[in-house]
PDB file of N, CA and C in Angstrom:
ATOM      1  N   UNK A   1     135.215  97.456  67.269  1.00  0.00           N
ATOM      2  CA  UNK A   1     135.426  96.418  68.265  1.00  0.00           C
ATOM      3  C   UNK A   1     135.588  95.086  67.552  1.00  0.00           C
ATOM      4  N   UNK A   2     136.427  94.269  68.112  1.00  0.00           N
ATOM      5  CA  UNK A   2     136.666  92.955  67.530  1.00  0.00           C
ATOM      6  C   UNK A   2     136.534  91.914  68.625  1.00  0.00           C
ATOM      7  N   UNK A   3     135.804  90.849  68.338  1.00  0.00           N
ATOM      8  CA  UNK A   3     135.597  89.793  69.322  1.00  0.00           C
ATOM      9  C   UNK A   3     136.659  88.721  69.161  1.00  0.00           C
ATOM     10  N   UNK A   4     137.233  88.314  70.287  1.00  0.00           N
ATOM     11  CA  UNK A   4     138.176  87.198  70.310  1.00  0.00           C
ATOM     12  C   UNK A   4     137.669  86.164  71.294  1.00  0.00           C
ATOM     13  N   UNK A   5     137.738  84.912  70.937  1.00  0.00           N
ATOM     14  CA  UNK A   5     137.482  83.849  71.909  1.00  0.00           C
ATOM     15  C   UNK A   5     138.611  83.905  72.928  1.00  0.00           C
ATOM     16  N   UNK A   6     138.361  83.457  74.157  1.00  0.00           N
ATOM     17  CA  UNK A   6     139.369  83.583  75.215  1.00  0.00           C
ATOM     18  C   UNK A   6     140.699  82.955  74.833  1.00  0.00           C
ATOM     19  N   UNK A   7     140.689  81.885  74.061  1.00  0.00           N
ATOM     20  CA  UNK A   7     141.950  81.246  73.681  1.00  0.00           C
ATOM     21  C   UNK A   7     142.712  82.051  72.631  1.00  0.00           C
ATOM     22  N   UNK A   8     142.049  83.016  71.983  1.00  0.00           N
ATOM     23  CA  UNK A   8     142.685  83.813  70.935  1.00  0.00           C
ATOM     24  C   UNK A   8     142.992  85.244  71.349  1.00  0.00           C
ATOM     25  N   UNK A   9     142.810  85.581  72.619  1.00  0.00           N
ATOM     26  CA  UNK A   9     143.061  86.941  73.079  1.00  0.00           C
ATOM     27  C   UNK A   9     144.557  87.212  73.018  1.00  0.00           C
ATOM     28  N   UNK A  10     144.912  88.310  72.375  1.00  0.00           N
ATOM     29  CA  UNK A  10     146.314  88.704  72.275  1.00  0.00           C
ATOM     30  C   UNK A  10     146.615  89.658  73.432  1.00  0.00           C
ATOM     31  N   UNK A  11     147.188  89.136  74.488  1.00  0.00           N
ATOM     32  CA  UNK A  11     147.403  89.929  75.694  1.00  0.00           C
ATOM     33  C   UNK A  11     148.422  91.035  75.497  1.00  0.00           C
ATOM     34  N   UNK A  12     149.327  90.881  74.536  1.00  0.00           N
ATOM     35  CA  UNK A  12     150.354  91.894  74.331  1.00  0.00           C
ATOM     36  C   UNK A  12     149.912  93.008  73.379  1.00  0.00           C
ATOM     37  N   UNK A  13     148.688  92.949  72.876  1.00  0.00           N
ATOM     38  CA  UNK A  13     148.204  94.013  71.993  1.00  0.00           C
ATOM     39  C   UNK A  13     147.879  95.245  72.833  1.00  0.00           C
ATOM     40  N   UNK A  14     148.016  96.439  72.246  1.00  0.00           N
ATOM     41  CA  UNK A  14     147.818  97.673  73.009  1.00  0.00           C
ATOM     42  C   UNK A  14     146.355  98.095  73.135  1.00  0.00           C
ATOM     43  N   UNK A  15     145.433  97.200  72.890  1.00  0.00           N
ATOM     44  CA  UNK A  15     144.016  97.550  72.888  1.00  0.00           C
ATOM     45  C   UNK A  15     143.332  97.163  74.189  1.00  0.00           C
ATOM     46  N   UNK A  16     142.237  97.837  74.442  1.00  0.00           N
ATOM     47  CA  UNK A  16     141.390  97.523  75.582  1.00  0.00           C
ATOM     48  C   UNK A  16     140.764  96.150  75.378  1.00  0.00           C
ATOM     49  N   UNK A  17     140.793  95.330  76.406  1.00  0.00           N
ATOM     50  CA  UNK A  17     140.178  94.005  76.327  1.00  0.00           C
ATOM     51  C   UNK A  17     138.881  94.019  77.124  1.00  0.00           C
ATOM     52  N   UNK A  18     137.785  93.722  76.472  1.00  0.00           N
ATOM     53  CA  UNK A  18     136.487  93.620  77.133  1.00  0.00           C
ATOM     54  C   UNK A  18     136.098  92.157  77.067  1.00  0.00           C
ATOM     55  N   UNK A  19     135.883  91.560  78.243  1.00  0.00           N
ATOM     56  CA  UNK A  19     135.592  90.128  78.265  1.00  0.00           C
ATOM     57  C   UNK A  19     134.680  89.792  79.423  1.00  0.00           C
ATOM     58  N   UNK A  20     134.121  88.624  79.371  1.00  0.00           N
ATOM     59  CA  UNK A  20     133.288  88.151  80.468  1.00  0.00           C
ATOM     60  C   UNK A  20     134.181  87.734  81.627  1.00  0.00           C
ATOM     61  N   UNK A  21     133.589  87.616  82.794  1.00  0.00           N
ATOM     62  CA  UNK A  21     134.345  87.140  83.948  1.00  0.00           C
ATOM     63  C   UNK A  21     134.858  85.726  83.706  1.00  0.00           C
ATOM     64  N   UNK A  22     134.079  84.930  83.014  1.00  0.00           N
ATOM     65  CA  UNK A  22     134.509  83.564  82.700  1.00  0.00           C
ATOM     66  C   UNK A  22     135.752  83.576  81.814  1.00  0.00           C
ATOM     67  N   UNK A  23     135.778  84.448  80.815  1.00  0.00           N
ATOM     68  CA  UNK A  23     136.912  84.516  79.893  1.00  0.00           C
ATOM     69  C   UNK A  23     138.181  85.010  80.572  1.00  0.00           C
ATOM     70  N   UNK A  24     138.038  85.799  81.629  1.00  0.00           N
ATOM     71  CA  UNK A  24     139.197  86.378  82.303  1.00  0.00           C
ATOM     72  C   UNK A  24     139.905  85.391  83.224  1.00  0.00           C
ATOM     73  N   UNK A  25     139.280  84.275  83.500  1.00  0.00           N
ATOM     74  CA  UNK A  25     139.855  83.304  84.434  1.00  0.00           C
ATOM     75  C   UNK A  25     141.242  82.868  83.968  1.00  0.00           C
ATOM     76  N   UNK A  26     142.214  82.961  84.875  1.00  0.00           N
ATOM     77  CA  UNK A  26     143.580  82.552  84.579  1.00  0.00           C
ATOM     78  C   UNK A  26     144.442  83.647  83.988  1.00  0.00           C
ATOM     79  N   UNK A  27     143.856  84.804  83.670  1.00  0.00           N
ATOM     80  CA  UNK A  27     144.610  85.907  83.077  1.00  0.00           C
ATOM     81  C   UNK A  27     144.842  86.993  84.114  1.00  0.00           C
ATOM     82  N   UNK A  28     145.801  87.884  83.854  1.00  0.00           N
ATOM     83  CA  UNK A  28     146.050  89.035  84.720  1.00  0.00           C
ATOM     84  C   UNK A  28     146.250  90.267  83.858  1.00  0.00           C
ATOM     85  N   UNK A  29     145.854  91.417  84.415  1.00  0.00           N
ATOM     86  CA  UNK A  29     145.983  92.678  83.708  1.00  0.00           C
ATOM     87  C   UNK A  29     146.391  93.752  84.709  1.00  0.00           C
ATOM     88  N   UNK A  30     147.141  94.774  84.265  1.00  0.00           N
ATOM     89  CA  UNK A  30     147.517  95.853  85.184  1.00  0.00           C
ATOM     90  C   UNK A  30     146.302  96.598  85.723  1.00  0.00           C
ATOM     91  N   UNK A  31     145.286  96.770  84.890  1.00  0.00           N
ATOM     92  CA  UNK A  31     144.107  97.546  85.255  1.00  0.00           C
ATOM     93  C   UNK A  31     142.868  96.731  84.907  1.00  0.00           C
ATOM     94  N   UNK A  32     141.967  96.573  85.869  1.00  0.00           N
ATOM     95  CA  UNK A  32     140.734  95.804  85.646  1.00  0.00           C
ATOM     96  C   UNK A  32     139.549  96.627  86.137  1.00  0.00           C
ATOM     97  N   UNK A  33     138.493  96.654  85.344  1.00  0.00           N
ATOM     98  CA  UNK A  33     137.231  97.267  85.752  1.00  0.00           C
ATOM     99  C   UNK A  33     136.153  96.188  85.695  1.00  0.00           C
ATOM    100  N   UNK A  34     135.518  95.941  86.823  1.00  0.00           N
ATOM    101  CA  UNK A  34     134.412  94.982  86.897  1.00  0.00           C
ATOM    102  C   UNK A  34     133.125  95.802  86.923  1.00  0.00           C
ATOM    103  N   UNK A  35     132.306  95.598  85.920  1.00  0.00           N
ATOM    104  CA  UNK A  35     131.090  96.392  85.767  1.00  0.00           C
ATOM    105  C   UNK A  35     129.860  95.577  86.180  1.00  0.00           C
ATOM    106  N   UNK A  36     128.788  96.280  86.495  1.00  0.00           N
ATOM    107  CA  UNK A  36     127.501  95.623  86.719  1.00  0.00           C
ATOM    108  C   UNK A  36     127.298  95.034  88.098  1.00  0.00           C
ATOM    109  N   UNK A  37     127.985  95.570  89.103  1.00  0.00           N
ATOM    110  CA  UNK A  37     127.806  95.052  90.455  1.00  0.00           C
ATOM    111  C   UNK A  37     126.542  95.683  91.048  1.00  0.00           C
ATOM    112  N   UNK A  38     125.400  95.137  90.622  1.00  0.00           N
ATOM    113  CA  UNK A  38     124.100  95.620  91.078  1.00  0.00           C
ATOM    114  C   UNK A  38     123.097  94.478  91.012  1.00  0.00           C
ATOM    115  N   UNK A  39     122.059  94.601  91.800  1.00  0.00           N
ATOM    116  CA  UNK A  39     121.027  93.560  91.822  1.00  0.00           C
ATOM    117  C   UNK A  39     120.435  93.393  90.429  1.00  0.00           C
ATOM    118  N   UNK A  40     120.282  92.164  90.027  1.00  0.00           N
ATOM    119  CA  UNK A  40     119.749  91.858  88.714  1.00  0.00           C
ATOM    120  C   UNK A  40     120.824  91.625  87.676  1.00  0.00           C
ATOM    121  N   UNK A  41     122.034  92.072  87.973  1.00  0.00           N
ATOM    122  CA  UNK A  41     123.150  91.869  87.051  1.00  0.00           C
ATOM    123  C   UNK A  41     124.196  90.968  87.708  1.00  0.00           C
ATOM    124  N   UNK A  42     124.712  91.368  88.839  1.00  0.00           N
ATOM    125  CA  UNK A  42     125.641  90.545  89.614  1.00  0.00           C
ATOM    126  C   UNK A  42     125.354  90.774  91.089  1.00  0.00           C
ATOM    127  N   UNK A  43     124.596  89.965  91.730  1.00  0.00           N
ATOM    128  CA  UNK A  43     124.118  88.671  91.257  1.00  0.00           C
ATOM    129  C   UNK A  43     122.876  88.799  90.383  1.00  0.00           C
ATOM    130  N   UNK A  44     122.721  87.826  89.530  1.00  0.00           N
ATOM    131  CA  UNK A  44     121.550  87.745  88.656  1.00  0.00           C
ATOM    132  C   UNK A  44     120.756  86.507  89.043  1.00  0.00           C
ATOM    133  N   UNK A  45     119.705  86.728  89.784  1.00  0.00           N
ATOM    134  CA  UNK A  45     118.824  85.632  90.196  1.00  0.00           C
ATOM    135  C   UNK A  45     117.472  85.871  89.546  1.00  0.00           C
ATOM    136  N   UNK A  46     117.078  84.972  88.712  1.00  0.00           N
ATOM    137  CA  UNK A  46     115.790  85.048  88.026  1.00  0.00           C
ATOM    138  C   UNK A  46     114.681  84.740  89.030  1.00  0.00           C
ATOM    139  N   UNK A  47     113.552  85.419  88.897  1.00  0.00           N
ATOM    140  CA  UNK A  47     112.418  85.173  89.798  1.00  0.00           C
ATOM    141  C   UNK A  47     111.929  83.738  89.716  1.00  0.00           C
ATOM    142  N   UNK A  48     112.178  83.084  88.592  1.00  0.00           N
ATOM    143  CA  UNK A  48     111.737  81.701  88.410  1.00  0.00           C
ATOM    144  C   UNK A  48     112.717  80.690  89.006  1.00  0.00           C
ATOM    145  N   UNK A  49     113.822  81.177  89.570  1.00  0.00           N
ATOM    146  CA  UNK A  49     114.808  80.271  90.164  1.00  0.00           C
ATOM    147  C   UNK A  49     114.201  79.578  91.377  1.00  0.00           C
ATOM    148  N   UNK A  50     114.270  78.264  91.421  1.00  0.00           N
ATOM    149  CA  UNK A  50     113.745  77.540  92.588  1.00  0.00           C
ATOM    150  C   UNK A  50     114.487  77.970  93.858  1.00  0.00           C
ATOM    151  N   UNK A  51     113.767  78.146  94.965  1.00  0.00           N
ATOM    152  CA  UNK A  51     114.388  78.605  96.210  1.00  0.00           C
ATOM    153  C   UNK A  51     115.583  77.762  96.654  1.00  0.00           C
ATOM    154  N   UNK A  52     115.544  76.465  96.403  1.00  0.00           N
ATOM    155  CA  UNK A  52     116.652  75.615  96.837  1.00  0.00           C
ATOM    156  C   UNK A  52     117.903  75.796  95.965  1.00  0.00           C
ATOM    157  N   UNK A  53     117.792  76.522  94.854  1.00  0.00           N
ATOM    158  CA  UNK A  53     118.935  76.774  93.967  1.00  0.00           C
ATOM    159  C   UNK A  53     119.576  78.139  94.208  1.00  0.00           C
ATOM    160  N   UNK A  54     118.872  79.025  94.904  1.00  0.00           N
ATOM    161  CA  UNK A  54     119.336  80.406  95.061  1.00  0.00           C
ATOM    162  C   UNK A  54     120.710  80.469  95.719  1.00  0.00           C
ATOM    163  N   UNK A  55     120.907  79.785  96.837  1.00  0.00           N
ATOM    164  CA  UNK A  55     122.198  79.848  97.531  1.00  0.00           C
ATOM    165  C   UNK A  55     123.335  79.310  96.684  1.00  0.00           C
ATOM    166  N   UNK A  56     123.079  78.242  95.939  1.00  0.00           N
ATOM    167  CA  UNK A  56     124.120  77.681  95.076  1.00  0.00           C
ATOM    168  C   UNK A  56     124.520  78.687  93.991  1.00  0.00           C
ATOM    169  N   UNK A  57     123.528  79.346  93.403  1.00  0.00           N
ATOM    170  CA  UNK A  57     123.797  80.329  92.353  1.00  0.00           C
ATOM    171  C   UNK A  57     124.523  81.542  92.926  1.00  0.00           C
ATOM    172  N   UNK A  58     124.104  82.004  94.103  1.00  0.00           N
ATOM    173  CA  UNK A  58     124.785  83.132  94.741  1.00  0.00           C
ATOM    174  C   UNK A  58     126.242  82.799  95.030  1.00  0.00           C
ATOM    175  N   UNK A  59     126.508  81.613  95.547  1.00  0.00           N
ATOM    176  CA  UNK A  59     127.889  81.198  95.810  1.00  0.00           C
ATOM    177  C   UNK A  59     128.704  81.158  94.525  1.00  0.00           C
ATOM    178  N   UNK A  60     128.117  80.637  93.466  1.00  0.00           N
ATOM    179  CA  UNK A  60     128.810  80.557  92.178  1.00  0.00           C
ATOM    180  C   UNK A  60     129.129  81.961  91.650  1.00  0.00           C
ATOM    181  N   UNK A  61     128.179  82.876  91.748  1.00  0.00           N
ATOM    182  CA  UNK A  61     128.401  84.229  91.250  1.00  0.00           C
ATOM    183  C   UNK A  61     129.368  85.004  92.140  1.00  0.00           C
ATOM    184  N   UNK A  62     129.366  84.719  93.441  1.00  0.00           N
ATOM    185  CA  UNK A  62     130.332  85.349  94.345  1.00  0.00           C
ATOM    186  C   UNK A  62     131.753  84.915  93.983  1.00  0.00           C
ATOM    187  N   UNK A  63     131.929  83.625  93.676  1.00  0.00           N
ATOM    188  CA  UNK A  63     133.245  83.131  93.242  1.00  0.00           C
ATOM    189  C   UNK A  63     133.646  83.763  91.911  1.00  0.00           C
ATOM    190  N   UNK A  64     132.683  83.954  91.035  1.00  0.00           N
ATOM    191  CA  UNK A  64     132.957  84.577  89.750  1.00  0.00           C
ATOM    192  C   UNK A  64     133.401  86.030  89.933  1.00  0.00           C
ATOM    193  N   UNK A  65     132.779  86.745  90.851  1.00  0.00           N
ATOM    194  CA  UNK A  65     133.208  88.112  91.166  1.00  0.00           C
ATOM    195  C   UNK A  65     134.639  88.101  91.683  1.00  0.00           C
ATOM    196  N   UNK A  66     134.972  87.148  92.535  1.00  0.00           N
ATOM    197  CA  UNK A  66     136.340  87.020  93.042  1.00  0.00           C
ATOM    198  C   UNK A  66     137.322  86.810  91.889  1.00  0.00           C
ATOM    199  N   UNK A  67     136.954  85.962  90.938  1.00  0.00           N
ATOM    200  CA  UNK A  67     137.813  85.727  89.768  1.00  0.00           C
ATOM    201  C   UNK A  67     138.073  87.048  89.048  1.00  0.00           C
ATOM    202  N   UNK A  68     137.022  87.809  88.798  1.00  0.00           N
ATOM    203  CA  UNK A  68     137.185  89.084  88.100  1.00  0.00           C
ATOM    204  C   UNK A  68     138.055  90.063  88.861  1.00  0.00           C
ATOM    205  N   UNK A  69     137.813  90.195  90.153  1.00  0.00           N
ATOM    206  CA  UNK A  69     138.578  91.145  90.963  1.00  0.00           C
ATOM    207  C   UNK A  69     140.037  90.727  91.113  1.00  0.00           C
ATOM    208  N   UNK A  70     140.289  89.454  91.167  1.00  0.00           N
ATOM    209  CA  UNK A  70     141.661  88.982  91.384  1.00  0.00           C
ATOM    210  C   UNK A  70     142.495  88.979  90.101  1.00  0.00           C
ATOM    211  N   UNK A  71     141.928  89.435  88.990  1.00  0.00           N
ATOM    212  CA  UNK A  71     142.698  89.547  87.741  1.00  0.00           C
ATOM    213  C   UNK A  71     143.550  90.804  87.728  1.00  0.00           C
ATOM    214  N   UNK A  72     143.269  91.747  88.624  1.00  0.00           N
ATOM    215  CA  UNK A  72     143.968  93.035  88.635  1.00  0.00           C
ATOM    216  C   UNK A  72     145.333  92.909  89.299  1.00  0.00           C
ATOM    217  N   UNK A  73     146.363  93.358  88.588  1.00  0.00           N
ATOM    218  CA  UNK A  73     147.716  93.349  89.141  1.00  0.00           C
ATOM    219  C   UNK A  73     147.990  94.617  89.951  1.00  0.00           C
ATOM    220  N   UNK A  74     147.454  95.768  89.508  1.00  0.00           N
ATOM    221  CA  UNK A  74     147.734  97.035  90.184  1.00  0.00           C
ATOM    222  C   UNK A  74     146.479  97.808  90.576  1.00  0.00           C
ATOM    223  N   UNK A  75     145.545  97.934  89.648  1.00  0.00           N
ATOM    224  CA  UNK A  75     144.372  98.765  89.890  1.00  0.00           C
ATOM    225  C   UNK A  75     143.095  97.988  89.590  1.00  0.00           C
ATOM    226  N   UNK A  76     142.104  98.193  90.452  1.00  0.00           N
ATOM    227  CA  UNK A  76     140.802  97.554  90.275  1.00  0.00           C
ATOM    228  C   UNK A  76     139.714  98.586  90.518  1.00  0.00           C
ATOM    229  N   UNK A  77     138.787  98.671  89.588  1.00  0.00           N
ATOM    230  CA  UNK A  77     137.600  99.504  89.757  1.00  0.00           C
ATOM    231  C   UNK A  77     136.393  98.577  89.677  1.00  0.00           C
ATOM    232  N   UNK A  78     135.505  98.695  90.649  1.00  0.00           N
ATOM    233  CA  UNK A  78     134.275  97.909  90.670  1.00  0.00           C
ATOM    234  C   UNK A  78     133.127  98.906  90.595  1.00  0.00           C
ATOM    235  N   UNK A  79     132.271  98.763  89.602  1.00  0.00           N
ATOM    236  CA  UNK A  79     131.181  99.714  89.383  1.00  0.00           C
ATOM    237  C   UNK A  79     129.830  99.046  89.568  1.00  0.00           C
ATOM    238  N   UNK A  80     128.932  99.791  90.181  1.00  0.00           N
ATOM    239  CA  UNK A  80     127.589  99.285  90.393  1.00  0.00           C
ATOM    240  C   UNK A  80     126.607 100.429  90.502  1.00  0.00           C
ATOM    241  N   UNK A  81     125.455 100.135  91.005  1.00  0.00           N
ATOM    242  CA  UNK A  81     124.374 101.099  91.114  1.00  0.00           C
ATOM    243  C   UNK A  81     124.131 101.457  92.575  1.00  0.00           C
ATOM    244  N   UNK A  82     124.060 102.753  92.856  1.00  0.00           N
ATOM    245  CA  UNK A  82     123.748 103.186  94.215  1.00  0.00           C
ATOM    246  C   UNK A  82     122.282 102.927  94.545  1.00  0.00           C
ATOM    247  N   UNK A  83     121.411 102.960  93.538  1.00  0.00           N
ATOM    248  CA  UNK A  83     119.986 102.763  93.798  1.00  0.00           C
ATOM    249  C   UNK A  83     119.602 101.285  93.891  1.00  0.00           C
ATOM    250  N   UNK A  84     120.400 100.400  93.298  1.00  0.00           N
ATOM    251  CA  UNK A  84     120.140  98.955  93.357  1.00  0.00           C
ATOM    252  C   UNK A  84     121.443  98.213  93.653  1.00  0.00           C
ATOM    253  N   UNK A  85     122.042  98.470  94.820  1.00  0.00           N
ATOM    254  CA  UNK A  85     123.355  97.869  95.093  1.00  0.00           C
ATOM    255  C   UNK A  85     123.297  96.348  95.193  1.00  0.00           C
ATOM    256  N   UNK A  86     124.368  95.730  94.766  1.00  0.00           N
ATOM    257  CA  UNK A  86     124.493  94.279  94.845  1.00  0.00           C
ATOM    258  C   UNK A  86     124.641  93.843  96.296  1.00  0.00           C
ATOM    259  N   UNK A  87     124.146  92.677  96.608  1.00  0.00           N
ATOM    260  CA  UNK A  87     124.354  92.119  97.948  1.00  0.00           C
ATOM    261  C   UNK A  87     125.825  91.799  98.170  1.00  0.00           C
ATOM    262  N   UNK A  88     126.606  91.736  97.103  1.00  0.00           N
ATOM    263  CA  UNK A  88     128.032  91.445  97.221  1.00  0.00           C
ATOM    264  C   UNK A  88     128.844  92.658  97.677  1.00  0.00           C
ATOM    265  N   UNK A  89     128.257  93.849  97.641  1.00  0.00           N
ATOM    266  CA  UNK A  89     128.969  95.067  98.036  1.00  0.00           C
ATOM    267  C   UNK A  89     129.456  94.969  99.477  1.00  0.00           C
ATOM    268  N   UNK A  90     128.647  94.390 100.357  1.00  0.00           N
ATOM    269  CA  UNK A  90     129.027  94.307 101.767  1.00  0.00           C
ATOM    270  C   UNK A  90     130.343  93.571 101.973  1.00  0.00           C
ATOM    271  N   UNK A  91     130.637  92.593 101.129  1.00  0.00           N
ATOM    272  CA  UNK A  91     131.895  91.861 101.285  1.00  0.00           C
ATOM    273  C   UNK A  91     133.093  92.693 100.849  1.00  0.00           C
ATOM    274  N   UNK A  92     132.866  93.819 100.195  1.00  0.00           N
ATOM    275  CA  UNK A  92     133.958  94.689  99.754  1.00  0.00           C
ATOM    276  C   UNK A  92     134.219  95.829 100.730  1.00  0.00           C
ATOM    277  N   UNK A  93     133.415  95.946 101.763  1.00  0.00           N
ATOM    278  CA  UNK A  93     133.561  97.052 102.709  1.00  0.00           C
ATOM    279  C   UNK A  93     134.569  96.691 103.790  1.00  0.00           C
ATOM    280  N   UNK A  94     135.822  96.880 103.469  1.00  0.00           N
ATOM    281  CA  UNK A  94     136.901  96.646 104.422  1.00  0.00           C
ATOM    282  C   UNK A  94     137.823  97.849 104.375  1.00  0.00           C
ATOM    283  N   UNK A  95     138.773  97.940 105.290  1.00  0.00           N
ATOM    284  CA  UNK A  95     139.694  99.078 105.258  1.00  0.00           C
ATOM    285  C   UNK A  95     140.603  99.094 104.027  1.00  0.00           C
ATOM    286  N   UNK A  96     140.591  98.029 103.252  1.00  0.00           N
ATOM    287  CA  UNK A  96     141.477  97.953 102.093  1.00  0.00           C
ATOM    288  C   UNK A  96     140.871  98.564 100.833  1.00  0.00           C
ATOM    289  N   UNK A  97     139.619  98.963 100.892  1.00  0.00           N
ATOM    290  CA  UNK A  97     138.932  99.505  99.724  1.00  0.00           C
ATOM    291  C   UNK A  97     138.730 101.002  99.874  1.00  0.00           C
ATOM    292  N   UNK A  98     138.941 101.730  98.806  1.00  0.00           N
ATOM    293  CA  UNK A  98     138.621 103.151  98.771  1.00  0.00           C
ATOM    294  C   UNK A  98     137.315 103.271  97.995  1.00  0.00           C
ATOM    295  N   UNK A  99     136.248 103.611  98.683  1.00  0.00           N
ATOM    296  CA  UNK A  99     134.921 103.638  98.060  1.00  0.00           C
ATOM    297  C   UNK A  99     134.538 105.081  97.752  1.00  0.00           C
ATOM    298  N   UNK A 100     134.147 105.319  96.507  1.00  0.00           N
ATOM    299  CA  UNK A 100     133.694 106.639  96.087  1.00  0.00           C
ATOM    300  C   UNK A 100     132.330 106.496  95.437  1.00  0.00           C
ATOM    301  N   UNK A 101     131.462 107.408  95.754  1.00  0.00           N
ATOM    302  CA  UNK A 101     130.140 107.446  95.128  1.00  0.00           C
ATOM    303  C   UNK A 101     130.182 108.555  94.085  1.00  0.00           C
ATOM    304  N   UNK A 102     130.387 108.176  92.849  1.00  0.00           N
ATOM    305  CA  UNK A 102     130.602 109.146  91.783  1.00  0.00           C
ATOM    306  C   UNK A 102     129.333 109.789  91.267  1.00  0.00           C
ATOM    307  N   UNK A 103     128.184 109.191  91.492  1.00  0.00           N
ATOM    308  CA  UNK A 103     126.939 109.754  90.970  1.00  0.00           C
ATOM    309  C   UNK A 103     126.723 111.162  91.499  1.00  0.00           C
ATOM    310  N   UNK A 104     127.091 111.404  92.747  1.00  0.00           N
ATOM    311  CA  UNK A 104     126.908 112.732  93.323  1.00  0.00           C
ATOM    312  C   UNK A 104     127.951 113.716  92.807  1.00  0.00           C
ATOM    313  N   UNK A 105     129.003 113.211  92.151  1.00  0.00           N
ATOM    314  CA  UNK A 105     130.063 114.072  91.646  1.00  0.00           C
ATOM    315  C   UNK A 105     129.959 114.296  90.138  1.00  0.00           C
ATOM    316  N   UNK A 106     128.927 113.760  89.512  1.00  0.00           N
ATOM    317  CA  UNK A 106     128.787 113.859  88.063  1.00  0.00           C
ATOM    318  C   UNK A 106     128.503 115.297  87.656  1.00  0.00           C
ATOM    319  N   UNK A 107     129.210 115.751  86.636  1.00  0.00           N
ATOM    320  CA  UNK A 107     129.001 117.098  86.115  1.00  0.00           C
ATOM    321  C   UNK A 107     128.656 116.994  84.642  1.00  0.00           C
ATOM    322  N   UNK A 108     127.895 117.946  84.173  1.00  0.00           N
ATOM    323  CA  UNK A 108     127.545 117.987  82.762  1.00  0.00           C
ATOM    324  C   UNK A 108     128.724 118.529  81.975  1.00  0.00           C
ATOM    325  N   UNK A 109     129.021 117.896  80.856  1.00  0.00           N
ATOM    326  CA  UNK A 109     130.121 118.355  80.005  1.00  0.00           C
ATOM    327  C   UNK A 109     129.770 119.708  79.407  1.00  0.00           C
ATOM    328  N   UNK A 110     130.749 120.612  79.322  1.00  0.00           N
ATOM    329  CA  UNK A 110     130.462 121.931  78.740  1.00  0.00           C
ATOM    330  C   UNK A 110     130.138 121.809  77.253  1.00  0.00           C
ATOM    331  N   UNK A 111     129.229 122.647  76.797  1.00  0.00           N
ATOM    332  CA  UNK A 111     128.868 122.665  75.371  1.00  0.00           C
ATOM    333  C   UNK A 111     129.779 123.638  74.644  1.00  0.00           C
ATOM    334  N   UNK A 112     130.130 123.284  73.443  1.00  0.00           N
ATOM    335  CA  UNK A 112     130.993 124.164  72.625  1.00  0.00           C
ATOM    336  C   UNK A 112     130.181 125.151  71.840  1.00  0.00           C
TER     337      UNK A 112
END
């Protein structure tokens, strides 16, 4: 793996690009996977966060999720946890989303 600062990302290279949601701002890709859509990750609210700051942080992280999702030109996969779902999941439940719960479909790889 090689790290590139957002200004040095070579978009025409044939390699997988792994970046933060912040780094993806302004870019587009045919296929985007947004990972970590679960409580404690996205949104990430620390227990020490003052109550009057929680809504501001949630709004900021919701906008950041939008940035990540809107980078996809053709395909978007959003991954999270079924046991600790993000509060942002509800905003994705529309007729435009195909939702699959893959944990129940997981199979063990055959041993050679």
